Amino acid sequence: MCPACETINELNAKFCQECGYKFFKEGSEKPKESALQIVQEKKEEKGGEKKAKEEVKGKKKSFFSQAQIESIRKSEEEFRRRQISTFIYILKKIEIKKKKKQKSLKHLR
């Protein structure tokens, strides 16, 4: 978590993805503050692990707006409908081929 803007970043990130804060000092390979340390401090300040986790969780930012999420959801639903339609079409074609094959076999007997 970035101490400057409180954005959740990857554990080994060198810079904050939101504000560009440097997590590492020049020439150092250890972070200034780890996300775990920040959560621990929040827990001590607020008096409870649950509150600290909720606070950190609330700081996560969505990469998509609500409208974009809804649009993606609709696209996924349409894709699923098309998959099902295609699957049904293929099953019908297979069934038709089976019936034709059975008819041709009956004629040969």
C-alpha atoms as a PDB file:
ATOM      1  CA  MET A   1       0.000   0.000   0.000  1.00  0.00           C
ATOM      2  CA  CYS A   2       1.323   3.385  -0.951  1.00  0.00           C
ATOM      3  CA  PRO A   3       1.926   5.597   2.088  1.00  0.00           C
ATOM      4  CA  ALA A   4       1.408   8.694  -0.069  1.00  0.00           C
ATOM      5  CA  CYS A   5      -1.942   7.959  -1.733  1.00  0.00           C
ATOM      6  CA  GLU A   6      -2.954   4.683   0.021  1.00  0.00           C
ATOM      7  CA  THR A   7      -3.388   2.792  -3.264  1.00  0.00           C
ATOM      8  CA  ILE A   8      -2.954  -0.981  -3.073  1.00  0.00           C
ATOM      9  CA  ASN A   9      -0.007  -2.060  -5.224  1.00  0.00           C
ATOM     10  CA  GLU A  10       1.724  -5.352  -5.923  1.00  0.00           C
ATOM     11  CA  LEU A  11       3.892  -6.606  -3.076  1.00  0.00           C
ATOM     12  CA  ASN A  12       7.217  -6.206  -4.913  1.00  0.00           C
ATOM     13  CA  ALA A  13       6.325  -3.008  -6.783  1.00  0.00           C
ATOM     14  CA  LYS A  14       9.092  -0.414  -7.015  1.00  0.00           C
ATOM     15  CA  PHE A  15       6.718   2.481  -7.668  1.00  0.00           C
ATOM     16  CA  CYS A  16       3.067   3.213  -6.850  1.00  0.00           C
ATOM     17  CA  GLN A  17       0.887   2.569  -9.890  1.00  0.00           C
ATOM     18  CA  GLU A  18      -1.273   5.584  -9.012  1.00  0.00           C
ATOM     19  CA  CYS A  19       1.063   8.386  -7.868  1.00  0.00           C
ATOM     20  CA  GLY A  20       4.558   7.072  -8.716  1.00  0.00           C
ATOM     21  CA  TYR A  21       5.799   7.010  -5.100  1.00  0.00           C
ATOM     22  CA  LYS A  22       9.143   5.148  -4.823  1.00  0.00           C
ATOM     23  CA  PHE A  23       8.873   2.169  -2.483  1.00  0.00           C
ATOM     24  CA  PHE A  24      12.647   1.538  -2.537  1.00  0.00           C
ATOM     25  CA  LYS A  25      15.395   3.886  -1.458  1.00  0.00           C
ATOM     26  CA  GLU A  26      18.148   4.587  -4.004  1.00  0.00           C
ATOM     27  CA  GLY A  27      20.625   1.657  -4.031  1.00  0.00           C
ATOM     28  CA  SER A  28      18.461  -0.388  -1.676  1.00  0.00           C
ATOM     29  CA  GLU A  29      16.568  -3.544  -2.493  1.00  0.00           C
ATOM     30  CA  LYS A  30      14.314  -3.491   0.548  1.00  0.00           C
ATOM     31  CA  PRO A  31      11.036  -1.570   0.491  1.00  0.00           C
ATOM     32  CA  LYS A  32      10.572   1.444   2.738  1.00  0.00           C
ATOM     33  CA  GLU A  33       7.317   0.025   4.079  1.00  0.00           C
ATOM     34  CA  SER A  34       5.654  -3.213   3.153  1.00  0.00           C
ATOM     35  CA  ALA A  35       1.914  -3.591   2.741  1.00  0.00           C
ATOM     36  CA  LEU A  36       1.958  -5.949   5.720  1.00  0.00           C
ATOM     37  CA  GLN A  37       3.590  -3.297   7.914  1.00  0.00           C
ATOM     38  CA  ILE A  38       1.013  -0.703   6.885  1.00  0.00           C
ATOM     39  CA  VAL A  39      -1.849  -3.108   7.597  1.00  0.00           C
ATOM     40  CA  GLN A  40      -0.261  -3.901  10.972  1.00  0.00           C
ATOM     41  CA  GLU A  41      -0.031  -0.179  11.786  1.00  0.00           C
ATOM     42  CA  LYS A  42      -3.647   0.389  10.755  1.00  0.00           C
ATOM     43  CA  LYS A  43      -4.669  -2.550  12.925  1.00  0.00           C
ATOM     44  CA  GLU A  44      -2.882  -1.093  15.926  1.00  0.00           C
ATOM     45  CA  GLU A  45      -4.297   2.395  15.282  1.00  0.00           C
ATOM     46  CA  LYS A  46      -7.892   1.291  14.768  1.00  0.00           C
ATOM     47  CA  GLY A  47      -7.800  -1.520  17.292  1.00  0.00           C
ATOM     48  CA  GLY A  48      -8.715  -4.578  15.274  1.00  0.00           C
ATOM     49  CA  GLU A  49      -7.599  -6.671  12.323  1.00  0.00           C
ATOM     50  CA  LYS A  50     -11.054  -6.638  10.755  1.00  0.00           C
ATOM     51  CA  LYS A  51     -11.220  -2.850  10.640  1.00  0.00           C
ATOM     52  CA  ALA A  52      -7.728  -2.619   9.165  1.00  0.00           C
ATOM     53  CA  LYS A  53      -8.505  -5.141   6.442  1.00  0.00           C
ATOM     54  CA  GLU A  54     -11.779  -3.398   5.604  1.00  0.00           C
ATOM     55  CA  GLU A  55      -9.999  -0.070   5.380  1.00  0.00           C
ATOM     56  CA  VAL A  56      -7.317  -1.459   3.078  1.00  0.00           C
ATOM     57  CA  LYS A  57      -9.960  -3.273   1.039  1.00  0.00           C
ATOM     58  CA  GLY A  58     -11.923  -0.035   0.679  1.00  0.00           C
ATOM     59  CA  LYS A  59      -8.860   1.706  -0.748  1.00  0.00           C
ATOM     60  CA  LYS A  60      -8.654  -0.614  -3.747  1.00  0.00           C
ATOM     61  CA  LYS A  61      -9.578   1.241  -6.885  1.00  0.00           C
ATOM     62  CA  SER A  62     -11.459  -0.292  -9.756  1.00  0.00           C
ATOM     63  CA  PHE A  63      -9.857  -0.111 -13.170  1.00  0.00           C
ATOM     64  CA  PHE A  64     -13.307   0.032 -14.777  1.00  0.00           C
ATOM     65  CA  SER A  65     -16.235   2.364 -14.266  1.00  0.00           C
ATOM     66  CA  GLN A  66     -19.623   0.923 -13.350  1.00  0.00           C
ATOM     67  CA  ALA A  67     -20.844   1.494 -16.934  1.00  0.00           C
ATOM     68  CA  GLN A  68     -17.847  -0.401 -18.318  1.00  0.00           C
ATOM     69  CA  ILE A  69     -18.446  -3.282 -15.907  1.00  0.00           C
ATOM     70  CA  GLU A  70     -22.096  -3.457 -16.974  1.00  0.00           C
ATOM     71  CA  SER A  71     -21.088  -3.383 -20.643  1.00  0.00           C
ATOM     72  CA  ILE A  72     -18.601  -6.223 -20.080  1.00  0.00           C
ATOM     73  CA  ARG A  73     -21.237  -8.220 -18.203  1.00  0.00           C
ATOM     74  CA  LYS A  74     -23.712  -7.793 -21.081  1.00  0.00           C
ATOM     75  CA  SER A  75     -21.059  -8.813 -23.605  1.00  0.00           C
ATOM     76  CA  GLU A  76     -20.284 -11.926 -21.578  1.00  0.00           C
ATOM     77  CA  GLU A  77     -23.976 -12.825 -21.393  1.00  0.00           C
ATOM     78  CA  GLU A  78     -24.342 -12.394 -25.173  1.00  0.00           C
ATOM     79  CA  PHE A  79     -21.234 -14.501 -25.731  1.00  0.00           C
ATOM     80  CA  ARG A  80     -22.677 -17.280 -23.523  1.00  0.00           C
ATOM     81  CA  ARG A  81     -25.994 -17.147 -25.407  1.00  0.00           C
ATOM     82  CA  ARG A  82     -24.155 -17.481 -28.712  1.00  0.00           C
ATOM     83  CA  GLN A  83     -22.076 -20.364 -27.380  1.00  0.00           C
ATOM     84  CA  ILE A  84     -25.226 -22.193 -26.296  1.00  0.00           C
ATOM     85  CA  SER A  85     -26.924 -21.496 -29.638  1.00  0.00           C
ATOM     86  CA  THR A  86     -23.881 -22.796 -31.506  1.00  0.00           C
ATOM     87  CA  PHE A  87     -23.750 -25.881 -29.303  1.00  0.00           C
ATOM     88  CA  ILE A  88     -27.438 -26.608 -29.918  1.00  0.00           C
ATOM     89  CA  TYR A  89     -26.945 -26.100 -33.666  1.00  0.00           C
ATOM     90  CA  ILE A  90     -24.043 -28.571 -33.689  1.00  0.00           C
ATOM     91  CA  LEU A  91     -26.043 -31.122 -31.681  1.00  0.00           C
ATOM     92  CA  LYS A  92     -28.927 -30.843 -34.151  1.00  0.00           C
ATOM     93  CA  LYS A  93     -26.556 -31.317 -37.098  1.00  0.00           C
ATOM     94  CA  ILE A  94     -25.073 -34.403 -35.444  1.00  0.00           C
ATOM     95  CA  GLU A  95     -28.553 -35.785 -34.793  1.00  0.00           C
ATOM     96  CA  ILE A  96     -29.555 -35.201 -38.441  1.00  0.00           C
ATOM     97  CA  LYS A  97     -26.408 -36.984 -39.652  1.00  0.00           C
ATOM     98  CA  LYS A  98     -27.142 -39.925 -37.333  1.00  0.00           C
ATOM     99  CA  LYS A  99     -30.683 -40.220 -38.653  1.00  0.00           C
ATOM    100  CA  LYS A 100     -29.467 -40.083 -42.271  1.00  0.00           C
ATOM    101  CA  LYS A 101     -26.883 -42.747 -41.527  1.00  0.00           C
ATOM    102  CA  GLN A 102     -29.505 -44.967 -39.846  1.00  0.00           C
ATOM    103  CA  LYS A 103     -31.834 -44.550 -42.868  1.00  0.00           C
ATOM    104  CA  SER A 104     -29.076 -45.465 -45.297  1.00  0.00           C
ATOM    105  CA  LEU A 105     -28.179 -48.513 -43.203  1.00  0.00           C
ATOM    106  CA  LYS A 106     -31.837 -49.655 -43.167  1.00  0.00           C
ATOM    107  CA  HIS A 107     -31.969 -49.447 -46.962  1.00  0.00           C
ATOM    108  CA  LEU A 108     -28.858 -51.593 -47.275  1.00  0.00           C
ATOM    109  CA  ARG A 109     -30.361 -54.441 -45.230  1.00  0.00           C
END
